[in-house]
């Protein structure tokens, strides 16, 4: 990774980071677990064909019981994946003020990952009430000041120094749903730079990526995926990360779909105006693209699709069989897509909400497996066998 941070950026944070590290030590944010066990270093392992595979959980594991967290990691191992993408939510860890930390629940997630031999991608983000801009009332508000978020990043990197070395800064910052009150590439890149510098002050060899971008066009409340990448690069984001992350949902189409129009997956590298092309033009050819969410829901208030045309405008989910086809196709298409370094299926288990967002799981909410579970597992098994 090249580092062309302006000197003023480095100087602006150096003193703040020194203070943050000292503060973390004073507050007892230990790099090693309190019970004295020896942590195991998380490295950038791959499973097959040069691509890392995992399951994405968002913030769902933080509120689960230890037994439920264990079952989630059991699924990762059983399906042949080796990574978990989990939110390390600032609002969960420091809900009340800048001086108190509540790490216990996330410690359990780290413990389960280590005992299962699973690598963690920690998505750091989301703002507690005390750190939000005035008048913004969601944890998806941007931080009022990037320095406070950088201090949290320092604390997280210190505590999990030997357990987590792969970091994603925020989630879908190109949408108002995750960067309120409205997305702004300059604001986000400032936060990204400060957080990256903070983490590297503790973990010089950390692997850091930008927040996974939603597959969207530019409209009220969102900035198109490729436009956001271009704006991030304009502000120097590609100089401080090792990868960019994207969420190229394609349902009801397969990720391998190539027709007269392009899906979000096609726009990673197959179109003239692709993410790969934007990164190359910005001086970062070959930068890895991590697909930190991908999947398809199987329920919702709209129409279901099996992928056959015509596709109604009311489609908001797919059939169980189609979800299984999408899962298998994703496993096999990822290694054939230039620069893709990882693929995370979202999600492991359904929720119970009224919208399709709750039904991306490989399992139903009652725990029974959908056909996609077996399809994801079989595709990973076959790919691993063919890679040896």
Protein backbone atom coordinates (compact mmCIF):
# COMPACT_ATOMS: atom_id res chain seq x y z
CA UNK A 1 0.00 0.00 0.00
CA UNK A 2 1.33 3.40 -0.92
CA UNK A 3 1.10 6.12 1.71
CA UNK A 4 0.77 9.62 0.35
CA UNK A 5 -1.03 11.19 3.29
CA UNK A 6 -0.41 14.89 3.34
CA UNK A 7 1.99 15.93 6.07
CA UNK A 8 -0.66 18.08 7.65
CA UNK A 9 -2.93 15.04 7.99
CA UNK A 10 -0.23 13.06 9.75
CA UNK A 11 0.73 15.92 12.02
CA UNK A 12 -2.86 16.74 12.84
CA UNK A 13 -3.44 13.33 14.34
CA UNK A 14 -0.06 12.37 15.77
CA UNK A 15 -0.50 14.14 19.09
CA UNK A 16 -4.13 13.06 19.31
CA UNK A 17 -3.17 9.43 18.77
CA UNK A 18 -0.40 9.51 21.35
CA UNK A 19 -2.94 10.85 23.82
CA UNK A 20 -5.47 8.21 22.77
CA UNK A 21 -3.00 5.37 23.28
CA UNK A 22 -2.06 6.70 26.72
CA UNK A 23 -5.72 7.12 27.60
CA UNK A 24 -6.45 3.57 26.53
CA UNK A 25 -3.64 2.22 28.67
CA UNK A 26 -4.79 4.25 31.67
CA UNK A 27 -8.32 2.93 31.24
CA UNK A 28 -7.04 -0.64 31.16
CA UNK A 29 -7.80 -1.50 27.57
CA UNK A 30 -5.52 -4.49 27.42
CA UNK A 31 -4.25 -6.11 24.26
CA UNK A 32 -4.42 -9.53 25.92
CA UNK A 33 -7.58 -11.07 27.38
CA UNK A 34 -8.06 -10.65 31.12
CA UNK A 35 -8.06 -14.40 31.82
CA UNK A 36 -4.43 -14.68 30.74
CA UNK A 37 -4.96 -16.99 27.75
CA UNK A 38 -2.67 -16.50 24.78
CA UNK A 39 -4.53 -14.84 21.89
CA UNK A 40 -4.11 -16.27 18.42
CA UNK A 41 -3.09 -13.93 15.63
CA UNK A 42 -5.67 -13.49 12.90
CA UNK A 43 -4.06 -13.49 9.47
CA UNK A 44 -5.34 -13.05 5.95
CA UNK A 45 -6.15 -16.67 5.20
CA UNK A 46 -7.92 -17.81 2.04
CA UNK A 47 -10.11 -20.84 1.57
CA UNK A 48 -10.13 -21.51 -2.14
CA UNK A 49 -9.05 -20.06 -5.46
CA UNK A 50 -7.44 -17.05 -3.79
CA UNK A 51 -10.71 -15.77 -2.32
CA UNK A 52 -11.67 -15.68 1.36
CA UNK A 53 -15.25 -16.74 2.20
CA UNK A 54 -17.32 -15.90 5.24
CA UNK A 55 -20.69 -15.04 6.72
CA UNK A 56 -21.75 -11.48 7.53
CA UNK A 57 -23.65 -10.94 10.79
CA UNK A 58 -23.91 -7.18 11.15
CA UNK A 59 -24.64 -6.26 14.79
CA UNK A 60 -26.81 -9.33 15.45
CA UNK A 61 -24.30 -11.37 17.50
CA UNK A 62 -23.74 -8.67 20.11
CA UNK A 63 -27.12 -9.31 21.73
CA UNK A 64 -27.03 -13.12 21.50
CA UNK A 65 -26.34 -15.59 24.29
CA UNK A 66 -22.98 -17.38 24.32
CA UNK A 67 -24.71 -20.54 23.08
CA UNK A 68 -26.27 -18.66 20.16
CA UNK A 69 -22.94 -17.06 19.27
CA UNK A 70 -21.33 -20.51 19.32
CA UNK A 71 -23.98 -21.89 16.97
CA UNK A 72 -23.33 -19.05 14.53
CA UNK A 73 -19.63 -19.90 14.42
CA UNK A 74 -20.48 -23.58 14.13
CA UNK A 75 -22.27 -22.69 10.88
CA UNK A 76 -19.23 -20.89 9.51
CA UNK A 77 -17.05 -23.93 10.07
CA UNK A 78 -19.68 -26.44 8.93
CA UNK A 79 -20.21 -24.68 5.61
CA UNK A 80 -16.47 -24.53 4.88
CA UNK A 81 -16.12 -20.76 5.27
CA UNK A 82 -13.39 -19.28 7.45
CA UNK A 83 -14.38 -15.65 8.14
CA UNK A 84 -17.03 -13.74 10.09
CA UNK A 85 -17.88 -10.11 9.42
CA UNK A 86 -19.19 -8.57 12.64
CA UNK A 87 -20.00 -5.04 13.71
CA UNK A 88 -17.78 -3.60 16.40
CA UNK A 89 -20.36 -0.96 17.14
CA UNK A 90 -19.04 2.16 18.85
CA UNK A 91 -22.54 2.81 20.22
CA UNK A 92 -22.55 -0.64 21.86
CA UNK A 93 -19.12 -0.29 23.41
CA UNK A 94 -19.35 3.33 24.63
CA UNK A 95 -23.06 4.09 24.92
CA UNK A 96 -22.85 6.70 27.67
CA UNK A 97 -19.63 8.68 27.46
CA UNK A 98 -16.06 8.78 26.18
CA UNK A 99 -14.56 7.25 29.32
CA UNK A 100 -16.43 3.96 29.87
CA UNK A 101 -16.12 0.84 27.73
CA UNK A 102 -18.37 -2.24 27.67
CA UNK A 103 -16.32 -4.90 25.89
CA UNK A 104 -17.70 -8.09 27.48
CA UNK A 105 -20.20 -9.09 24.79
CA UNK A 106 -17.76 -8.50 21.97
CA UNK A 107 -15.11 -10.41 23.90
CA UNK A 108 -17.42 -13.43 23.68
CA UNK A 109 -17.57 -13.08 19.90
CA UNK A 110 -13.77 -12.91 19.73
CA UNK A 111 -13.48 -15.96 22.03
CA UNK A 112 -15.80 -18.01 19.81
CA UNK A 113 -13.97 -16.95 16.67
CA UNK A 114 -10.66 -18.04 18.15
CA UNK A 115 -11.94 -21.35 19.48
CA UNK A 116 -13.42 -22.13 16.05
CA UNK A 117 -10.35 -21.00 14.10
CA UNK A 118 -12.42 -18.34 12.32
CA UNK A 119 -10.96 -15.02 11.18
CA UNK A 120 -12.76 -11.79 12.06
CA UNK A 121 -13.45 -8.81 9.87
CA UNK A 122 -14.47 -6.11 12.34
CA UNK A 123 -16.67 -3.37 10.95
CA UNK A 124 -16.14 -0.37 13.21
CA UNK A 125 -18.76 2.33 13.10
CA UNK A 126 -21.99 3.85 14.39
CA UNK A 127 -22.13 6.78 16.72
CA UNK A 128 -23.25 6.82 20.37
CA UNK A 129 -25.58 9.64 21.49
CA UNK A 130 -22.84 11.69 23.14
CA UNK A 131 -20.74 11.83 19.94
CA UNK A 132 -23.43 12.69 17.37
CA UNK A 133 -23.95 16.07 15.67
CA UNK A 134 -26.58 18.20 17.34
CA UNK A 135 -30.06 17.27 16.18
CA UNK A 136 -29.08 13.84 14.79
CA UNK A 137 -30.79 11.06 16.72
CA UNK A 138 -29.61 7.78 15.18
CA UNK A 139 -26.52 5.66 15.73
CA UNK A 140 -26.09 5.94 11.95
CA UNK A 141 -25.32 9.65 12.30
CA UNK A 142 -21.82 10.61 11.24
CA UNK A 143 -19.49 11.36 14.15
CA UNK A 144 -19.57 15.00 15.22
CA UNK A 145 -15.78 14.93 15.18
CA UNK A 146 -13.52 12.38 13.46
CA UNK A 147 -11.02 12.56 16.33
CA UNK A 148 -13.44 10.93 18.78
CA UNK A 149 -14.04 8.04 16.42
CA UNK A 150 -10.28 7.68 15.87
CA UNK A 151 -9.84 7.42 19.64
CA UNK A 152 -12.35 4.55 19.68
CA UNK A 153 -10.50 2.89 16.79
CA UNK A 154 -7.30 3.12 18.81
CA UNK A 155 -8.99 1.51 21.82
CA UNK A 156 -10.39 -1.34 19.70
CA UNK A 157 -7.05 -2.00 18.00
CA UNK A 158 -5.32 -2.07 21.39
CA UNK A 159 -7.77 -4.44 23.02
CA UNK A 160 -7.87 -6.89 20.12
CA UNK A 161 -4.29 -6.34 18.98
CA UNK A 162 -3.56 -10.06 18.42
CA UNK A 163 -7.10 -11.21 17.69
CA UNK A 164 -8.29 -8.82 14.95
CA UNK A 165 -6.02 -7.36 12.30
CA UNK A 166 -8.58 -6.87 9.52
CA UNK A 167 -10.79 -3.80 9.77
CA UNK A 168 -13.62 -2.24 7.78
CA UNK A 169 -14.35 1.39 8.56
CA UNK A 170 -18.14 1.91 8.63
CA UNK A 171 -20.88 0.33 6.55
CA UNK A 172 -22.61 1.74 3.46
CA UNK A 173 -21.50 5.35 4.03
CA UNK A 174 -22.87 6.25 0.60
CA UNK A 175 -26.43 6.12 1.97
CA UNK A 176 -28.31 8.32 4.42
CA UNK A 177 -29.47 5.13 6.11
CA UNK A 178 -25.92 4.64 7.42
CA UNK A 179 -24.41 8.14 7.16
CA UNK A 180 -27.00 10.58 8.45
CA UNK A 181 -28.21 13.13 7.81
CA UNK A 182 -26.89 12.62 4.25
CA UNK A 183 -23.90 10.92 2.65
CA UNK A 184 -20.81 13.00 2.01
CA UNK A 185 -17.65 11.47 0.55
CA UNK A 186 -15.34 14.14 1.95
CA UNK A 187 -16.69 13.76 5.49
CA UNK A 188 -16.46 9.99 5.28
CA UNK A 189 -12.93 10.01 3.85
CA UNK A 190 -11.81 12.28 6.68
CA UNK A 191 -13.15 9.77 9.21
CA UNK A 192 -11.59 6.90 7.24
CA UNK A 193 -8.16 8.56 7.15
CA UNK A 194 -8.18 9.34 10.84
CA UNK A 195 -9.36 5.85 11.81
CA UNK A 196 -6.81 4.21 9.51
CA UNK A 197 -3.97 6.22 10.99
CA UNK A 198 -5.22 5.43 14.50
CA UNK A 199 -5.32 1.68 13.87
CA UNK A 200 -1.91 1.62 12.17
CA UNK A 201 -0.38 3.46 15.12
CA UNK A 202 -1.20 0.32 17.13
CA UNK A 203 -1.11 -2.32 14.37
CA UNK A 204 1.32 -1.21 11.61
CA UNK A 205 0.50 -4.30 9.54
CA UNK A 206 -3.28 -4.07 9.88
CA UNK A 207 -5.36 -4.76 6.76
CA UNK A 208 -7.86 -1.91 6.47
CA UNK A 209 -10.66 -1.39 3.98
CA UNK A 210 -13.19 1.33 3.31
CA UNK A 211 -16.79 0.71 4.35
CA UNK A 212 -18.78 -1.60 2.11
CA UNK A 213 -20.75 0.54 -0.33
CA UNK A 214 -24.42 -0.03 -1.06
CA UNK A 215 -25.33 -0.97 -4.60
CA UNK A 216 -27.27 2.14 -5.53
CA UNK A 217 -27.54 5.00 -7.96
CA UNK A 218 -27.34 8.67 -7.02
CA UNK A 219 -30.66 10.01 -5.76
CA UNK A 220 -32.06 11.74 -2.70
CA UNK A 221 -30.40 10.07 0.27
CA UNK A 222 -27.73 8.15 -1.64
CA UNK A 223 -24.63 8.59 -3.78
CA UNK A 224 -24.09 6.03 -6.51
CA UNK A 225 -21.51 3.34 -5.73
CA UNK A 226 -19.02 4.25 -8.44
CA UNK A 227 -19.49 7.98 -7.94
CA UNK A 228 -18.71 7.54 -4.25
CA UNK A 229 -15.56 5.52 -5.00
CA UNK A 230 -14.41 8.23 -7.40
CA UNK A 231 -15.02 10.96 -4.80
CA UNK A 232 -13.26 8.96 -2.07
CA UNK A 233 -10.23 8.55 -4.30
CA UNK A 234 -10.27 12.27 -5.10
CA UNK A 235 -9.89 12.90 -1.37
CA UNK A 236 -7.15 10.28 -0.96
CA UNK A 237 -9.03 7.30 0.47
CA UNK A 238 -7.18 4.83 -1.73
CA UNK A 239 -3.90 6.01 -0.21
CA UNK A 240 -4.83 4.89 3.31
CA UNK A 241 -6.59 1.55 2.73
CA UNK A 242 -5.52 -1.89 1.55
CA UNK A 243 -8.86 -2.67 -0.11
CA UNK A 244 -12.23 -1.20 -0.93
CA UNK A 245 -15.45 -2.96 0.05
CA UNK A 246 -18.71 -3.24 -1.85
CA UNK A 247 -22.14 -4.89 -1.53
CA UNK A 248 -23.03 -5.86 -5.10
CA UNK A 249 -26.48 -7.39 -4.56
CA UNK A 250 -27.96 -8.67 -7.82
CA UNK A 251 -31.12 -10.58 -6.87
CA UNK A 252 -33.20 -11.89 -8.54
CA UNK A 253 -30.32 -12.23 -11.03
CA UNK A 254 -27.29 -14.43 -10.55
CA UNK A 255 -23.91 -12.77 -9.98
CA UNK A 256 -22.79 -14.43 -13.22
CA UNK A 257 -25.56 -12.63 -15.14
CA UNK A 258 -24.26 -10.86 -18.28
CA UNK A 259 -26.93 -9.36 -20.50
CA UNK A 260 -27.57 -6.07 -22.24
CA UNK A 261 -27.48 -4.18 -18.95
CA UNK A 262 -25.07 -4.42 -16.04
CA UNK A 263 -25.72 -5.62 -12.50
CA UNK A 264 -23.90 -4.26 -9.47
CA UNK A 265 -21.59 -7.28 -9.70
CA UNK A 266 -20.76 -6.50 -13.34
CA UNK A 267 -19.86 -2.97 -12.32
CA UNK A 268 -17.05 -4.24 -10.11
CA UNK A 269 -14.80 -4.83 -13.11
CA UNK A 270 -16.71 -5.77 -16.28
CA UNK A 271 -18.06 -2.39 -17.36
CA UNK A 272 -16.24 0.57 -18.88
CA UNK A 273 -16.98 2.67 -15.80
CA UNK A 274 -16.12 0.03 -13.18
CA UNK A 275 -14.81 0.19 -9.62
CA UNK A 276 -11.66 -1.53 -10.84
CA UNK A 277 -11.23 1.11 -13.55
CA UNK A 278 -11.80 3.99 -11.13
CA UNK A 279 -9.16 2.61 -8.76
CA UNK A 280 -6.70 2.14 -11.62
CA UNK A 281 -7.23 5.71 -12.80
CA UNK A 282 -6.66 6.90 -9.22
CA UNK A 283 -3.28 5.18 -9.06
CA UNK A 284 -4.33 1.97 -7.30
CA UNK A 285 -4.37 -0.76 -10.00
CA UNK A 286 -5.09 -4.20 -8.63
CA UNK A 287 -6.40 -2.96 -5.29
CA UNK A 288 -8.48 -5.79 -3.78
CA UNK A 289 -12.25 -5.45 -3.71
CA UNK A 290 -13.86 -7.20 -0.76
CA UNK A 291 -17.52 -8.11 -1.10
CA UNK A 292 -18.45 -7.74 2.54
CA UNK A 293 -22.15 -8.39 1.94
CA UNK A 294 -23.92 -10.36 -0.73
CA UNK A 295 -27.12 -12.39 -0.64
CA UNK A 296 -30.83 -12.56 -1.45
CA UNK A 297 -33.95 -12.45 0.77
CA UNK A 298 -36.65 -15.12 0.63
CA UNK A 299 -39.59 -13.21 2.08
CA UNK A 300 -41.07 -9.73 2.10
CA UNK A 301 -44.23 -7.75 1.42
CA UNK A 302 -43.62 -7.62 -2.33
CA UNK A 303 -43.48 -10.19 -5.10
CA UNK A 304 -41.25 -13.26 -5.15
CA UNK A 305 -39.12 -14.13 -8.20
CA UNK A 306 -37.48 -17.30 -9.43
CA UNK A 307 -35.27 -15.27 -11.75
CA UNK A 308 -37.33 -15.85 -14.88
CA UNK A 309 -38.40 -12.83 -16.93
CA UNK A 310 -40.30 -10.65 -16.85
CA UNK A 311 -39.13 -9.24 -13.52
CA UNK A 312 -41.92 -7.24 -11.92
CA UNK A 313 -41.15 -3.90 -10.31
CA UNK A 314 -42.74 -5.24 -7.12
CA UNK A 315 -40.11 -7.98 -6.67
CA UNK A 316 -38.38 -7.66 -3.30
CA UNK A 317 -37.38 -11.28 -2.64
CA UNK A 318 -36.71 -14.59 -4.34
CA UNK A 319 -37.85 -18.18 -4.01
CA UNK A 320 -35.94 -20.57 -1.76
CA UNK A 321 -34.63 -22.39 -4.81
CA UNK A 322 -33.46 -19.18 -6.44
CA UNK A 323 -31.64 -18.12 -3.28
CA UNK A 324 -29.79 -21.45 -3.36
CA UNK A 325 -28.80 -20.89 -6.99
CA UNK A 326 -27.57 -17.38 -6.16
CA UNK A 327 -25.50 -18.67 -3.23
CA UNK A 328 -23.77 -21.34 -5.31
CA UNK A 329 -23.20 -18.98 -8.21
CA UNK A 330 -21.64 -16.38 -5.92
CA UNK A 331 -19.10 -18.88 -4.59
CA UNK A 332 -18.05 -19.80 -8.12
CA UNK A 333 -18.20 -16.34 -9.67
CA UNK A 334 -16.06 -14.57 -7.06
CA UNK A 335 -12.73 -16.17 -8.12
CA UNK A 336 -13.48 -15.34 -11.76
CA UNK A 337 -14.02 -11.65 -11.01
CA UNK A 338 -10.85 -9.55 -11.20
CA UNK A 339 -9.51 -8.17 -7.90
CA UNK A 340 -12.18 -9.77 -5.69
CA UNK A 341 -10.43 -10.80 -2.49
CA UNK A 342 -13.32 -11.97 -0.31
CA UNK A 343 -17.02 -12.81 -0.36
CA UNK A 344 -19.30 -12.68 2.69
CA UNK A 345 -22.81 -14.08 2.50
CA UNK A 346 -25.40 -12.02 4.37
CA UNK A 347 -26.81 -13.55 6.50
CA UNK A 348 -26.66 -16.71 8.60
CA UNK A 349 -30.21 -16.60 10.00
CA UNK A 350 -33.48 -14.80 9.29
CA UNK A 351 -35.01 -12.24 11.58
CA UNK A 352 -38.73 -11.60 12.07
CA UNK A 353 -39.28 -8.09 10.68
CA UNK A 354 -41.98 -7.11 8.18
CA UNK A 355 -39.58 -6.24 5.34
CA UNK A 356 -37.35 -8.31 3.10
CA UNK A 357 -34.28 -7.06 4.99
CA UNK A 358 -35.01 -9.67 7.66
CA UNK A 359 -34.93 -12.71 5.38
CA UNK A 360 -31.46 -13.05 3.85
CA UNK A 361 -30.48 -15.98 6.07
CA UNK A 362 -29.22 -19.42 5.14
CA UNK A 363 -31.45 -20.53 8.00
CA UNK A 364 -35.03 -19.62 8.81
CA UNK A 365 -35.70 -17.82 12.08
CA UNK A 366 -36.66 -21.13 13.72
CA UNK A 367 -33.18 -22.43 12.94
CA UNK A 368 -34.10 -24.83 10.15
CA UNK A 369 -31.88 -24.76 7.11
CA UNK A 370 -33.01 -23.32 3.81
CA UNK A 371 -31.85 -24.98 0.57
CA UNK A 372 -29.28 -22.20 0.29
CA UNK A 373 -27.38 -23.56 3.29
CA UNK A 374 -26.63 -26.81 1.51
CA UNK A 375 -25.93 -24.99 -1.77
CA UNK A 376 -23.42 -22.59 -0.16
CA UNK A 377 -21.76 -25.49 1.66
CA UNK A 378 -21.57 -27.74 -1.41
CA UNK A 379 -20.18 -24.98 -3.61
CA UNK A 380 -17.46 -24.13 -1.08
CA UNK A 381 -16.57 -27.81 -0.68
CA UNK A 382 -16.29 -28.35 -4.42
CA UNK A 383 -14.29 -25.18 -4.96
CA UNK A 384 -11.83 -26.12 -2.22
CA UNK A 385 -11.41 -29.63 -3.67
CA UNK A 386 -10.81 -28.27 -7.19
CA UNK A 387 -8.29 -25.73 -5.89
CA UNK A 388 -5.93 -28.42 -4.61
